[in-house]
Amino acid sequence: MHGRRVIPLPSLAMRGRRALAVSMVLAVVLVGCSKGSDDAKDDKTEPTTSASIPNKPAGLDGDEFCAVVPEPFIVGAVGEPYRTYDPVPLKDFPVPGVSGYECQWEWRSPQGDIRNLKVDALSFSGAMEGALDASWKGTVDTLSAKGTPREDLGEEAISAKLQGLVTLSAREGDWQITSVASSQGEASPASVEALARVTAVLLKAANEGN
């Protein structure tokens, strides 16, 4: 559907935290809709279903987790009829100890227009101390130039329109959820408000399920 502050003589620990933040934002935000673009090359390819999902986070499994988003919210974000991709379990992504799920939905028109929504829901409960703070700082640093903080979603949230993508990221408890909308052809990507509805539902499910 993931300027840099200069600090004189940074310690190795500080460098590690900065590298962590940058790598997580690039993975979650800028890569947002690469899968949607690749899948557009072959409309006949059907998603595959794994027989088992190893190393699942505690609580809801991937199918149940992604399915908590009400159909009207998905329609409001991508249109209908839409395609639901199989949930992808995330393990040690983008750093060791982080786990979660990737949810994705897509709409395509007969003319080849595409509207895609991908959500990465990441739990930092098993990651090293400070990993979520580092991820969130990296997200804010990346989105802040054209971003808009929100006070109505989770503990903290920020949205932005960058590189043709509409991105909304929110954190609450041990979770950070990043929703990325993209489009191709004459279609426009989902609005920030449409992303907020989806993100809010998954953020609540994540914290209640764990």
N, C-alpha and C. Protein backbone atom coordinates (compact mmCIF):
# COMPACT_ATOMS: atom_id res chain seq x y z
N MET A 1 0.41 -1.13 0.00
CA MET A 1 0.00 0.00 0.00
C MET A 1 0.65 1.79 0.00
N HIS A 2 7.74 2.04 3.19
CA HIS A 2 7.40 2.83 4.78
C HIS A 2 8.34 4.01 4.68
N GLY A 3 15.00 17.10 8.19
CA GLY A 3 16.35 16.61 8.12
C GLY A 3 16.74 15.85 9.35
N ARG A 4 17.65 14.92 9.18
CA ARG A 4 18.13 14.10 10.30
C ARG A 4 18.89 14.97 11.28
N ARG A 5 18.56 14.85 12.55
CA ARG A 5 19.25 15.62 13.58
C ARG A 5 20.68 15.09 13.76
N VAL A 6 21.64 16.00 13.82
CA VAL A 6 23.04 15.61 13.97
C VAL A 6 23.45 15.85 15.40
N ILE A 7 23.94 14.82 16.09
CA ILE A 7 24.39 14.92 17.47
C ILE A 7 25.88 14.63 17.51
N PRO A 8 26.70 15.54 18.03
CA PRO A 8 28.16 15.32 18.05
C PRO A 8 28.54 14.06 18.80
N LEU A 9 29.46 13.31 18.23
CA LEU A 9 30.04 12.13 18.85
C LEU A 9 28.99 11.21 19.46
N PRO A 10 28.07 10.66 18.66
CA PRO A 10 27.03 9.77 19.21
C PRO A 10 27.63 8.48 19.72
N SER A 11 27.03 7.95 20.78
CA SER A 11 27.47 6.68 21.32
C SER A 11 27.00 5.55 20.43
N LEU A 12 27.56 4.36 20.61
CA LEU A 12 27.13 3.20 19.83
C LEU A 12 25.67 2.88 20.11
N ALA A 13 25.25 3.05 21.36
CA ALA A 13 23.85 2.76 21.69
C ALA A 13 22.91 3.70 20.96
N MET A 14 23.32 4.99 20.92
CA MET A 14 22.47 5.96 20.24
C MET A 14 22.43 5.67 18.75
N ARG A 15 23.57 5.29 18.18
CA ARG A 15 23.58 4.92 16.77
C ARG A 15 22.68 3.73 16.51
N GLY A 16 22.69 2.77 17.41
CA GLY A 16 21.87 1.58 17.25
C GLY A 16 20.39 1.92 17.26
N ARG A 17 20.01 2.82 18.19
CA ARG A 17 18.61 3.20 18.26
C ARG A 17 18.18 3.96 17.02
N ARG A 18 19.07 4.84 16.52
CA ARG A 18 18.73 5.59 15.32
C ARG A 18 18.61 4.66 14.12
N ALA A 19 19.53 3.70 13.99
CA ALA A 19 19.45 2.75 12.87
C ALA A 19 18.18 1.93 12.95
N LEU A 20 17.82 1.55 14.18
CA LEU A 20 16.58 0.79 14.37
C LEU A 20 15.38 1.58 13.89
N ALA A 21 15.31 2.86 14.30
CA ALA A 21 14.17 3.68 13.93
C ALA A 21 14.07 3.86 12.42
N VAL A 22 15.19 4.17 11.79
CA VAL A 22 15.19 4.39 10.35
C VAL A 22 14.80 3.13 9.60
N SER A 23 15.35 1.98 9.99
CA SER A 23 15.06 0.74 9.29
C SER A 23 13.59 0.37 9.42
N MET A 24 13.00 0.62 10.59
CA MET A 24 11.61 0.26 10.81
C MET A 24 10.69 1.14 9.97
N VAL A 25 10.99 2.43 9.92
CA VAL A 25 10.12 3.31 9.14
C VAL A 25 10.20 2.99 7.67
N LEU A 26 11.41 2.76 7.17
CA LEU A 26 11.55 2.42 5.76
C LEU A 26 10.81 1.13 5.44
N ALA A 27 10.88 0.17 6.35
CA ALA A 27 10.23 -1.12 6.11
C ALA A 27 8.72 -0.99 6.15
N VAL A 28 8.21 -0.25 7.15
CA VAL A 28 6.76 -0.20 7.36
C VAL A 28 6.08 0.82 6.46
N VAL A 29 6.71 2.00 6.28
CA VAL A 29 6.04 3.08 5.57
C VAL A 29 6.35 3.08 4.08
N LEU A 30 7.63 3.14 3.73
CA LEU A 30 7.98 3.33 2.33
C LEU A 30 7.75 2.09 1.49
N VAL A 31 7.82 0.92 2.08
CA VAL A 31 7.57 -0.31 1.33
C VAL A 31 6.07 -0.57 1.26
N GLY A 32 5.31 0.29 1.93
CA GLY A 32 3.87 0.13 2.13
C GLY A 32 3.10 -0.65 1.11
N CYS A 33 3.19 -0.31 -0.16
CA CYS A 33 2.30 -0.94 -1.14
C CYS A 33 3.06 -1.64 -2.25
N SER A 34 4.27 -2.10 -1.98
CA SER A 34 5.02 -2.80 -3.01
C SER A 34 4.32 -4.09 -3.40
N LYS A 35 3.68 -4.76 -2.47
CA LYS A 35 2.99 -6.00 -2.79
C LYS A 35 1.84 -5.74 -3.73
N GLY A 36 1.09 -4.66 -3.50
CA GLY A 36 -0.01 -4.35 -4.39
C GLY A 36 0.47 -4.11 -5.80
N SER A 37 1.63 -3.46 -5.97
CA SER A 37 2.15 -3.21 -7.30
C SER A 37 2.58 -4.48 -7.98
N ASP A 38 3.22 -5.38 -7.24
CA ASP A 38 3.67 -6.64 -7.82
C ASP A 38 2.48 -7.49 -8.24
N ASP A 39 1.44 -7.53 -7.40
CA ASP A 39 0.29 -8.37 -7.71
C ASP A 39 -0.46 -7.86 -8.93
N ALA A 40 -0.32 -6.57 -9.21
CA ALA A 40 -1.04 -6.01 -10.35
C ALA A 40 -0.55 -6.59 -11.66
N LYS A 41 0.62 -7.21 -11.67
CA LYS A 41 1.16 -7.77 -12.89
C LYS A 41 0.40 -9.01 -13.34
N ASP A 42 -0.32 -9.64 -12.40
CA ASP A 42 -1.00 -10.88 -12.75
C ASP A 42 -2.34 -10.94 -12.03
N ASP A 43 -3.40 -10.51 -12.72
CA ASP A 43 -4.72 -10.46 -12.10
C ASP A 43 -5.26 -11.84 -11.79
N LYS A 44 -4.74 -12.89 -12.43
CA LYS A 44 -5.28 -14.22 -12.26
C LYS A 44 -4.66 -14.97 -11.10
N THR A 45 -3.63 -14.41 -10.50
CA THR A 45 -2.97 -15.07 -9.39
C THR A 45 -3.84 -15.01 -8.15
N GLU A 46 -4.12 -16.16 -7.58
CA GLU A 46 -4.93 -16.22 -6.37
C GLU A 46 -4.03 -16.30 -5.15
N PRO A 47 -4.44 -15.70 -4.03
CA PRO A 47 -3.63 -15.78 -2.82
C PRO A 47 -3.57 -17.21 -2.30
N THR A 48 -2.47 -17.56 -1.70
CA THR A 48 -2.32 -18.91 -1.15
C THR A 48 -2.60 -18.87 0.34
N THR A 49 -3.00 -19.99 0.87
CA THR A 49 -3.30 -20.09 2.29
C THR A 49 -2.35 -21.08 2.93
N SER A 50 -1.66 -20.64 3.97
CA SER A 50 -0.73 -21.52 4.66
C SER A 50 -1.50 -22.52 5.51
N ALA A 51 -0.96 -23.73 5.62
CA ALA A 51 -1.61 -24.74 6.44
C ALA A 51 -1.47 -24.41 7.92
N SER A 52 -0.39 -23.73 8.27
CA SER A 52 -0.19 -23.33 9.66
C SER A 52 0.59 -22.02 9.69
N ILE A 53 0.45 -21.31 10.77
CA ILE A 53 1.16 -20.05 10.94
C ILE A 53 2.06 -20.18 12.16
N PRO A 54 3.36 -20.36 11.96
CA PRO A 54 4.26 -20.54 13.10
C PRO A 54 4.51 -19.23 13.83
N ASN A 55 4.86 -19.34 15.08
CA ASN A 55 5.27 -18.18 15.87
C ASN A 55 4.23 -17.06 15.87
N LYS A 56 2.95 -17.45 16.02
CA LYS A 56 1.91 -16.45 16.04
C LYS A 56 1.96 -15.67 17.35
N PRO A 57 1.65 -14.38 17.32
CA PRO A 57 1.54 -13.64 18.58
C PRO A 57 0.42 -14.22 19.43
N ALA A 58 0.45 -13.97 20.72
CA ALA A 58 -0.61 -14.45 21.60
C ALA A 58 -1.91 -13.75 21.26
N GLY A 59 -3.01 -14.38 21.59
CA GLY A 59 -4.30 -13.76 21.33
C GLY A 59 -4.86 -14.15 19.98
N LEU A 60 -5.47 -13.20 19.29
CA LEU A 60 -6.12 -13.47 18.01
C LEU A 60 -5.12 -13.99 16.99
N ASP A 61 -5.56 -14.96 16.14
CA ASP A 61 -4.69 -15.37 15.06
C ASP A 61 -4.90 -14.41 13.88
N GLY A 62 -4.11 -14.60 12.83
CA GLY A 62 -4.11 -13.65 11.73
C GLY A 62 -5.46 -13.49 11.07
N ASP A 63 -6.15 -14.63 10.81
CA ASP A 63 -7.46 -14.56 10.16
C ASP A 63 -8.46 -13.80 11.02
N GLU A 64 -8.49 -14.10 12.32
CA GLU A 64 -9.42 -13.42 13.21
C GLU A 64 -9.05 -11.95 13.35
N PHE A 65 -7.76 -11.68 13.41
CA PHE A 65 -7.31 -10.30 13.62
C PHE A 65 -7.73 -9.40 12.47
N CYS A 66 -7.40 -9.78 11.26
CA CYS A 66 -7.73 -8.95 10.10
C CYS A 66 -9.24 -8.88 9.87
N ALA A 67 -9.95 -9.94 10.27
CA ALA A 67 -11.39 -10.01 10.02
C ALA A 67 -12.20 -9.11 10.95
N VAL A 68 -11.56 -8.51 11.96
CA VAL A 68 -12.33 -7.64 12.86
C VAL A 68 -12.70 -6.33 12.19
N VAL A 69 -12.05 -6.00 11.07
CA VAL A 69 -12.39 -4.77 10.37
C VAL A 69 -13.75 -4.95 9.69
N PRO A 70 -14.74 -4.14 10.02
CA PRO A 70 -16.07 -4.28 9.41
C PRO A 70 -16.02 -4.06 7.90
N GLU A 71 -16.85 -4.79 7.19
CA GLU A 71 -16.87 -4.67 5.73
C GLU A 71 -17.09 -3.24 5.24
N PRO A 72 -18.01 -2.47 5.87
CA PRO A 72 -18.19 -1.09 5.41
C PRO A 72 -16.92 -0.25 5.51
N PHE A 73 -16.06 -0.54 6.49
CA PHE A 73 -14.81 0.21 6.62
C PHE A 73 -13.87 -0.12 5.46
N ILE A 74 -13.85 -1.39 5.06
CA ILE A 74 -12.99 -1.79 3.94
C ILE A 74 -13.50 -1.17 2.65
N VAL A 75 -14.83 -1.25 2.46
CA VAL A 75 -15.43 -0.66 1.26
C VAL A 75 -15.14 0.83 1.22
N GLY A 76 -15.21 1.49 2.38
CA GLY A 76 -14.95 2.92 2.43
C GLY A 76 -13.50 3.27 2.09
N ALA A 77 -12.59 2.31 2.29
CA ALA A 77 -11.18 2.57 2.03
C ALA A 77 -10.76 2.20 0.62
N VAL A 78 -11.29 1.09 0.09
CA VAL A 78 -10.82 0.63 -1.23
C VAL A 78 -11.92 0.51 -2.27
N GLY A 79 -13.19 0.42 -1.85
CA GLY A 79 -14.28 0.23 -2.79
C GLY A 79 -14.72 -1.22 -2.83
N GLU A 80 -15.65 -1.53 -3.73
CA GLU A 80 -16.12 -2.91 -3.87
C GLU A 80 -16.48 -3.21 -5.32
N PRO A 81 -16.40 -4.52 -5.67
CA PRO A 81 -15.98 -5.66 -4.83
C PRO A 81 -14.48 -5.63 -4.59
N TYR A 82 -14.08 -6.03 -3.40
CA TYR A 82 -12.67 -5.99 -3.05
C TYR A 82 -12.15 -7.40 -2.82
N ARG A 83 -10.85 -7.53 -2.90
CA ARG A 83 -10.17 -8.80 -2.67
C ARG A 83 -9.47 -8.75 -1.31
N THR A 84 -9.64 -9.79 -0.52
CA THR A 84 -8.97 -9.89 0.78
C THR A 84 -7.79 -10.84 0.65
N TYR A 85 -6.61 -10.36 0.95
CA TYR A 85 -5.42 -11.21 0.91
C TYR A 85 -5.32 -12.01 2.20
N ASP A 86 -4.69 -13.17 2.12
CA ASP A 86 -4.46 -13.94 3.33
C ASP A 86 -3.56 -13.15 4.27
N PRO A 87 -3.88 -13.15 5.57
CA PRO A 87 -3.01 -12.45 6.53
C PRO A 87 -1.60 -13.03 6.51
N VAL A 88 -0.63 -12.17 6.67
CA VAL A 88 0.77 -12.60 6.70
C VAL A 88 1.30 -12.43 8.13
N PRO A 89 1.75 -13.52 8.77
CA PRO A 89 2.32 -13.38 10.11
C PRO A 89 3.68 -12.71 10.02
N LEU A 90 3.94 -11.80 10.93
CA LEU A 90 5.22 -11.09 10.97
C LEU A 90 5.98 -11.54 12.21
N LYS A 91 7.19 -11.99 12.02
CA LYS A 91 8.02 -12.48 13.12
C LYS A 91 9.40 -11.88 12.99
N ASP A 92 9.88 -11.25 14.09
CA ASP A 92 11.18 -10.59 14.07
C ASP A 92 11.25 -9.55 12.96
N PHE A 93 10.12 -8.88 12.71
CA PHE A 93 10.06 -7.85 11.67
C PHE A 93 9.64 -6.54 12.29
N PRO A 94 10.40 -5.50 12.09
CA PRO A 94 11.68 -5.44 11.37
C PRO A 94 12.89 -5.61 12.28
N VAL A 95 12.67 -5.91 13.57
CA VAL A 95 13.77 -6.20 14.47
C VAL A 95 13.41 -7.42 15.31
N PRO A 96 14.40 -8.11 15.89
CA PRO A 96 14.12 -9.31 16.70
C PRO A 96 13.13 -9.02 17.83
N GLY A 97 12.23 -9.96 18.03
CA GLY A 97 11.27 -9.85 19.12
C GLY A 97 9.96 -9.19 18.74
N VAL A 98 9.93 -8.51 17.60
CA VAL A 98 8.69 -7.88 17.14
C VAL A 98 7.85 -8.92 16.41
N SER A 99 6.57 -8.93 16.64
CA SER A 99 5.68 -9.88 15.95
C SER A 99 4.38 -9.18 15.62
N GLY A 100 3.61 -9.79 14.74
CA GLY A 100 2.33 -9.18 14.39
C GLY A 100 1.78 -9.74 13.11
N TYR A 101 0.98 -8.93 12.42
CA TYR A 101 0.31 -9.38 11.21
C TYR A 101 0.29 -8.29 10.16
N GLU A 102 0.23 -8.73 8.92
CA GLU A 102 -0.02 -7.83 7.80
C GLU A 102 -1.39 -8.17 7.23
N CYS A 103 -2.26 -7.17 7.13
CA CYS A 103 -3.57 -7.33 6.52
C CYS A 103 -3.59 -6.51 5.23
N GLN A 104 -4.27 -7.03 4.20
CA GLN A 104 -4.29 -6.30 2.95
C GLN A 104 -5.59 -6.55 2.19
N TRP A 105 -6.12 -5.46 1.63
CA TRP A 105 -7.32 -5.51 0.81
C TRP A 105 -7.08 -4.71 -0.48
N GLU A 106 -7.77 -5.11 -1.55
CA GLU A 106 -7.53 -4.45 -2.84
C GLU A 106 -8.78 -4.46 -3.70
N TRP A 107 -8.99 -3.35 -4.39
CA TRP A 107 -10.07 -3.22 -5.38
C TRP A 107 -9.46 -2.93 -6.74
N ARG A 108 -10.03 -3.54 -7.79
CA ARG A 108 -9.57 -3.30 -9.16
C ARG A 108 -10.77 -3.10 -10.06
N SER A 109 -10.64 -2.16 -10.97
CA SER A 109 -11.71 -1.91 -11.93
C SER A 109 -11.42 -2.67 -13.21
N PRO A 110 -12.44 -2.89 -14.05
CA PRO A 110 -12.20 -3.54 -15.34
C PRO A 110 -11.22 -2.78 -16.22
N GLN A 111 -11.09 -1.49 -15.98
CA GLN A 111 -10.16 -0.67 -16.77
C GLN A 111 -8.73 -0.74 -16.25
N GLY A 112 -8.52 -1.45 -15.15
CA GLY A 112 -7.18 -1.61 -14.62
C GLY A 112 -6.81 -0.66 -13.49
N ASP A 113 -7.77 0.13 -13.03
CA ASP A 113 -7.50 0.99 -11.87
C ASP A 113 -7.40 0.13 -10.61
N ILE A 114 -6.56 0.54 -9.69
CA ILE A 114 -6.33 -0.24 -8.47
C ILE A 114 -6.35 0.68 -7.26
N ARG A 115 -6.99 0.20 -6.19
CA ARG A 115 -6.93 0.88 -4.90
C ARG A 115 -6.57 -0.17 -3.86
N ASN A 116 -5.49 0.07 -3.10
CA ASN A 116 -4.95 -0.93 -2.19
C ASN A 116 -4.82 -0.37 -0.78
N LEU A 117 -5.06 -1.22 0.20
CA LEU A 117 -4.85 -0.86 1.60
C LEU A 117 -4.07 -1.97 2.27
N LYS A 118 -2.94 -1.62 2.87
CA LYS A 118 -2.12 -2.59 3.60
C LYS A 118 -1.89 -2.07 5.01
N VAL A 119 -2.06 -2.96 5.99
CA VAL A 119 -1.90 -2.58 7.39
C VAL A 119 -0.88 -3.51 8.03
N ASP A 120 0.14 -2.93 8.64
CA ASP A 120 1.10 -3.70 9.44
C ASP A 120 0.82 -3.42 10.90
N ALA A 121 0.45 -4.46 11.64
CA ALA A 121 0.19 -4.35 13.07
C ALA A 121 1.33 -5.05 13.80
N LEU A 122 2.13 -4.29 14.53
CA LEU A 122 3.34 -4.82 15.15
C LEU A 122 3.28 -4.74 16.66
N SER A 123 3.54 -5.88 17.32
CA SER A 123 3.62 -5.94 18.77
C SER A 123 5.08 -5.92 19.19
N PHE A 124 5.41 -5.01 20.11
CA PHE A 124 6.79 -4.87 20.59
C PHE A 124 6.97 -5.48 21.97
N SER A 125 5.97 -6.29 22.42
CA SER A 125 6.04 -6.84 23.77
C SER A 125 7.23 -7.76 23.96
N GLY A 126 7.70 -8.40 22.88
CA GLY A 126 8.84 -9.30 23.00
C GLY A 126 10.15 -8.71 22.51
N ALA A 127 10.13 -7.44 22.14
CA ALA A 127 11.33 -6.80 21.61
C ALA A 127 12.15 -6.17 22.74
N MET A 128 13.34 -5.74 22.39
CA MET A 128 14.20 -5.14 23.40
C MET A 128 13.59 -3.84 23.91
N GLU A 129 13.93 -3.46 25.12
CA GLU A 129 13.38 -2.26 25.74
C GLU A 129 13.70 -1.03 24.88
N GLY A 130 12.72 -0.23 24.66
CA GLY A 130 12.91 0.99 23.88
C GLY A 130 12.68 0.83 22.40
N ALA A 131 12.41 -0.41 21.94
CA ALA A 131 12.23 -0.64 20.50
C ALA A 131 11.02 0.10 19.96
N LEU A 132 9.91 0.08 20.70
CA LEU A 132 8.72 0.78 20.24
C LEU A 132 8.95 2.29 20.21
N ASP A 133 9.61 2.82 21.24
CA ASP A 133 9.90 4.26 21.26
C ASP A 133 10.78 4.64 20.07
N ALA A 134 11.76 3.79 19.75
CA ALA A 134 12.64 4.07 18.62
C ALA A 134 11.87 4.02 17.31
N SER A 135 10.99 3.02 17.18
CA SER A 135 10.17 2.91 15.98
C SER A 135 9.28 4.13 15.83
N TRP A 136 8.64 4.53 16.92
CA TRP A 136 7.73 5.66 16.85
C TRP A 136 8.47 6.96 16.52
N LYS A 137 9.63 7.15 17.12
CA LYS A 137 10.42 8.36 16.81
C LYS A 137 10.79 8.38 15.33
N GLY A 138 11.18 7.21 14.79
CA GLY A 138 11.51 7.15 13.38
C GLY A 138 10.31 7.46 12.50
N THR A 139 9.13 6.95 12.90
CA THR A 139 7.92 7.22 12.14
C THR A 139 7.61 8.71 12.13
N VAL A 140 7.66 9.32 13.30
CA VAL A 140 7.36 10.75 13.41
C VAL A 140 8.37 11.57 12.62
N ASP A 141 9.66 11.21 12.73
CA ASP A 141 10.69 11.95 11.98
C ASP A 141 10.44 11.86 10.48
N THR A 142 9.99 10.70 10.02
CA THR A 142 9.78 10.51 8.59
C THR A 142 8.53 11.25 8.10
N LEU A 143 7.47 11.23 8.89
CA LEU A 143 6.20 11.80 8.46
C LEU A 143 6.00 13.25 8.86
N SER A 144 6.80 13.75 9.80
CA SER A 144 6.49 15.05 10.41
C SER A 144 6.56 16.22 9.43
N ALA A 145 7.43 16.15 8.41
CA ALA A 145 7.58 17.28 7.48
C ALA A 145 6.26 17.63 6.82
N LYS A 146 5.49 16.59 6.44
CA LYS A 146 4.19 16.82 5.83
C LYS A 146 3.09 16.12 6.60
N GLY A 147 3.39 15.79 7.84
CA GLY A 147 2.44 15.02 8.63
C GLY A 147 1.57 15.87 9.52
N THR A 148 0.50 15.23 10.00
CA THR A 148 -0.45 15.88 10.89
C THR A 148 -0.70 14.99 12.10
N PRO A 149 -0.29 15.42 13.30
CA PRO A 149 -0.58 14.63 14.50
C PRO A 149 -2.08 14.54 14.74
N ARG A 150 -2.51 13.42 15.33
CA ARG A 150 -3.93 13.24 15.66
C ARG A 150 -4.04 12.95 17.15
N GLU A 151 -5.10 13.48 17.76
CA GLU A 151 -5.31 13.28 19.19
C GLU A 151 -6.49 12.36 19.47
N ASP A 152 -7.09 11.82 18.41
CA ASP A 152 -8.30 11.01 18.57
C ASP A 152 -8.06 9.54 18.30
N LEU A 153 -6.79 9.13 18.28
CA LEU A 153 -6.48 7.75 17.91
C LEU A 153 -5.31 7.23 18.73
N GLY A 154 -5.56 6.21 19.55
CA GLY A 154 -4.51 5.61 20.36
C GLY A 154 -3.88 6.61 21.32
N GLU A 155 -2.66 6.29 21.76
CA GLU A 155 -1.93 7.19 22.64
C GLU A 155 -1.27 8.32 21.84
N GLU A 156 -0.82 7.96 20.64
CA GLU A 156 -0.25 8.94 19.71
C GLU A 156 -0.55 8.47 18.30
N ALA A 157 -0.71 9.41 17.39
CA ALA A 157 -0.96 9.05 15.99
C ALA A 157 -0.52 10.20 15.10
N ILE A 158 -0.13 9.86 13.87
CA ILE A 158 0.29 10.86 12.89
C ILE A 158 -0.07 10.35 11.50
N SER A 159 -0.47 11.27 10.64
CA SER A 159 -0.81 10.90 9.26
C SER A 159 -0.06 11.81 8.31
N ALA A 160 0.14 11.32 7.06
CA ALA A 160 0.83 12.13 6.06
C ALA A 160 0.56 11.56 4.68
N LYS A 161 0.74 12.41 3.67
CA LYS A 161 0.67 12.00 2.28
C LYS A 161 2.05 12.20 1.68
N LEU A 162 2.73 11.08 1.41
CA LEU A 162 4.10 11.11 0.91
C LEU A 162 4.26 10.14 -0.24
N GLN A 163 4.95 10.57 -1.29
CA GLN A 163 5.30 9.71 -2.42
C GLN A 163 4.07 8.99 -3.00
N GLY A 164 2.93 9.68 -3.03
CA GLY A 164 1.72 9.09 -3.58
C GLY A 164 1.00 8.15 -2.64
N LEU A 165 1.51 7.99 -1.42
CA LEU A 165 0.88 7.12 -0.44
C LEU A 165 0.22 7.94 0.65
N VAL A 166 -0.92 7.44 1.12
CA VAL A 166 -1.56 8.02 2.29
C VAL A 166 -1.23 7.10 3.46
N THR A 167 -0.58 7.66 4.48
CA THR A 167 -0.09 6.84 5.59
C THR A 167 -0.63 7.34 6.92
N LEU A 168 -1.04 6.41 7.75
CA LEU A 168 -1.48 6.73 9.11
C LEU A 168 -0.86 5.72 10.06
N SER A 169 -0.16 6.21 11.07
CA SER A 169 0.45 5.32 12.05
C SER A 169 0.01 5.74 13.44
N ALA A 170 -0.29 4.73 14.28
CA ALA A 170 -0.73 5.00 15.65
C ALA A 170 -0.11 3.98 16.59
N ARG A 171 0.08 4.39 17.82
CA ARG A 171 0.61 3.47 18.84
C ARG A 171 -0.28 3.49 20.07
N GLU A 172 -0.34 2.32 20.73
CA GLU A 172 -1.05 2.20 21.99
C GLU A 172 -0.59 0.93 22.66
N GLY A 173 -0.29 1.00 23.94
CA GLY A 173 0.23 -0.16 24.64
C GLY A 173 1.55 -0.60 24.03
N ASP A 174 1.65 -1.90 23.71
CA ASP A 174 2.86 -2.44 23.08
C ASP A 174 2.77 -2.48 21.56
N TRP A 175 1.73 -1.88 20.99
CA TRP A 175 1.48 -2.02 19.56
C TRP A 175 1.68 -0.73 18.79
N GLN A 176 2.18 -0.88 17.57
CA GLN A 176 2.16 0.20 16.59
C GLN A 176 1.51 -0.33 15.33
N ILE A 177 0.52 0.37 14.84
CA ILE A 177 -0.20 -0.04 13.64
C ILE A 177 -0.06 1.04 12.58
N THR A 178 0.40 0.64 11.40
CA THR A 178 0.62 1.57 10.30
C THR A 178 -0.22 1.13 9.11
N SER A 179 -1.11 2.01 8.67
CA SER A 179 -1.97 1.74 7.52
C SER A 179 -1.49 2.59 6.35
N VAL A 180 -1.33 1.94 5.20
CA VAL A 180 -0.83 2.63 4.01
C VAL A 180 -1.77 2.38 2.84
N ALA A 181 -2.25 3.45 2.22
CA ALA A 181 -3.15 3.35 1.08
C ALA A 181 -2.44 3.81 -0.18
N SER A 182 -2.66 3.09 -1.28
CA SER A 182 -2.07 3.46 -2.56
C SER A 182 -3.10 3.27 -3.66
N SER A 183 -2.79 3.76 -4.84
CA SER A 183 -3.70 3.59 -5.97
C SER A 183 -2.91 3.64 -7.27
N GLN A 184 -3.52 3.11 -8.32
CA GLN A 184 -2.96 3.15 -9.66
C GLN A 184 -4.05 3.52 -10.65
N GLY A 185 -3.66 4.11 -11.77
CA GLY A 185 -4.63 4.50 -12.78
C GLY A 185 -5.39 5.74 -12.36
N GLU A 186 -6.68 5.75 -12.64
CA GLU A 186 -7.52 6.91 -12.34
C GLU A 186 -8.04 6.92 -10.91
N ALA A 187 -7.82 5.85 -10.17
CA ALA A 187 -8.33 5.76 -8.80
C ALA A 187 -7.49 6.61 -7.85
N SER A 188 -8.13 7.11 -6.81
CA SER A 188 -7.44 7.86 -5.76
C SER A 188 -7.29 6.96 -4.54
N PRO A 189 -6.20 7.11 -3.76
CA PRO A 189 -6.04 6.29 -2.56
C PRO A 189 -7.05 6.65 -1.50
N ALA A 190 -7.19 5.79 -0.52
CA ALA A 190 -8.13 6.02 0.58
C ALA A 190 -7.79 7.32 1.31
N SER A 191 -8.80 7.93 1.90
CA SER A 191 -8.60 9.14 2.68
C SER A 191 -8.00 8.80 4.05
N VAL A 192 -7.45 9.81 4.70
CA VAL A 192 -6.91 9.62 6.04
C VAL A 192 -8.01 9.17 7.00
N GLU A 193 -9.21 9.70 6.85
CA GLU A 193 -10.30 9.32 7.75
C GLU A 193 -10.69 7.86 7.56
N ALA A 194 -10.64 7.38 6.32
CA ALA A 194 -10.94 5.97 6.08
C ALA A 194 -9.87 5.10 6.74
N LEU A 195 -8.62 5.52 6.66
CA LEU A 195 -7.54 4.77 7.32
C LEU A 195 -7.71 4.81 8.84
N ALA A 196 -8.16 5.94 9.35
CA ALA A 196 -8.32 6.07 10.80
C ALA A 196 -9.35 5.09 11.33
N ARG A 197 -10.43 4.88 10.59
CA ARG A 197 -11.46 3.93 11.04
C ARG A 197 -10.90 2.52 11.11
N VAL A 198 -10.17 2.12 10.08
CA VAL A 198 -9.58 0.78 10.05
C VAL A 198 -8.54 0.63 11.15
N THR A 199 -7.68 1.63 11.29
CA THR A 199 -6.60 1.58 12.29
C THR A 199 -7.16 1.50 13.70
N ALA A 200 -8.21 2.27 13.99
CA ALA A 200 -8.79 2.27 15.32
C ALA A 200 -9.33 0.90 15.71
N VAL A 201 -10.00 0.24 14.77
CA VAL A 201 -10.56 -1.09 15.04
C VAL A 201 -9.45 -2.08 15.34
N LEU A 202 -8.39 -2.07 14.52
CA LEU A 202 -7.30 -3.04 14.72
C LEU A 202 -6.48 -2.72 15.97
N LEU A 203 -6.33 -1.45 16.29
CA LEU A 203 -5.59 -1.08 17.49
C LEU A 203 -6.33 -1.58 18.73
N LYS A 204 -7.65 -1.45 18.73
CA LYS A 204 -8.44 -1.95 19.85
C LYS A 204 -8.36 -3.46 19.94
N ALA A 205 -8.49 -4.15 18.80
CA ALA A 205 -8.42 -5.61 18.79
C ALA A 205 -7.07 -6.10 19.26
N ALA A 206 -6.01 -5.41 18.86
CA ALA A 206 -4.65 -5.81 19.24
C ALA A 206 -4.46 -5.75 20.75
N ASN A 207 -4.90 -4.67 21.36
CA ASN A 207 -4.69 -4.50 22.79
C ASN A 207 -5.63 -5.34 23.63
N GLU A 208 -6.85 -5.57 23.14
CA GLU A 208 -7.78 -6.42 23.87
C GLU A 208 -7.43 -7.90 23.72
N GLY A 209 -6.84 -8.26 22.58
CA GLY A 209 -6.51 -9.66 22.33
C GLY A 209 -5.24 -10.12 22.98
N ASN A 210 -4.46 -9.18 23.49
CA ASN A 210 -3.18 -9.53 24.12
C ASN A 210 -3.15 -8.97 25.53
